Amino acid sequence: MLTLATTYRVVFDITKDARPDDISGGWFTAALLLAAGIVLFAVRRKLPAILRLWFPALVVAFGILGIVGLLFRNVPQPSELAAAYRAGKCQVIEGIVTQSHPMPVTGHDVEAFVVSGKRFQYSDFIHRAGFNQTSSHGGPIHEGARVRIYYLGEDIAKLEIADDQASNQSLEPTAGRCTKKVEG
């Protein structure tokens, strides 16, 4: 029996396909709320009596809460995930996609799947640093696909899918590497 290594094609790579960091919008919004609250405090005497204290205080509180939330966020930005991938900090998992749950075209759900016991989930509508293109919007993940995933936490930094010819063959692991079995 002759075994050949499975060949993969890259369908997503955070170092090439990433959208820009989207945290700047959050900082802008939080700073704007904070500034608006400070201005409202300055002109509070011109506001109706019921809004004089509570409205400016709430606006300032939401601004501060936004800034604190951004400081202590635990979701990496695309540039941070790309840096982790380049530094070799991502884990690698390889195997067949099982327990595939595609997101419906109408949305209101997440797409999820399992590879070698590790569950991944994402959505077109939840902004994460890594791969998030659902199959209902042209994404490549489907039940039975052979994949190799480089990930950090729940974020997919690089997604590779076995070439069509290789994924249609009978597969068996050999010495820790994925190979396709060629009879003959």
Foldseek 3Di string as FASTA:
>chain_A
DDWDFFDWDWPWALVPPWDAFPCVVLLVQLVVLLVVLVVCQVVLVVPPPVCSPPVSVVSNVSSVVSVVCSVPPDADASVVLNVCVVVVNWDKAWAFWPPWDFADLVGPDWTWTDGPRDIEIAAPPDDGNADHQTVSRPDDDDGQWIWMFTHDDRHTRIIITTDPVQSVADWDDDPNGTIGDDDD
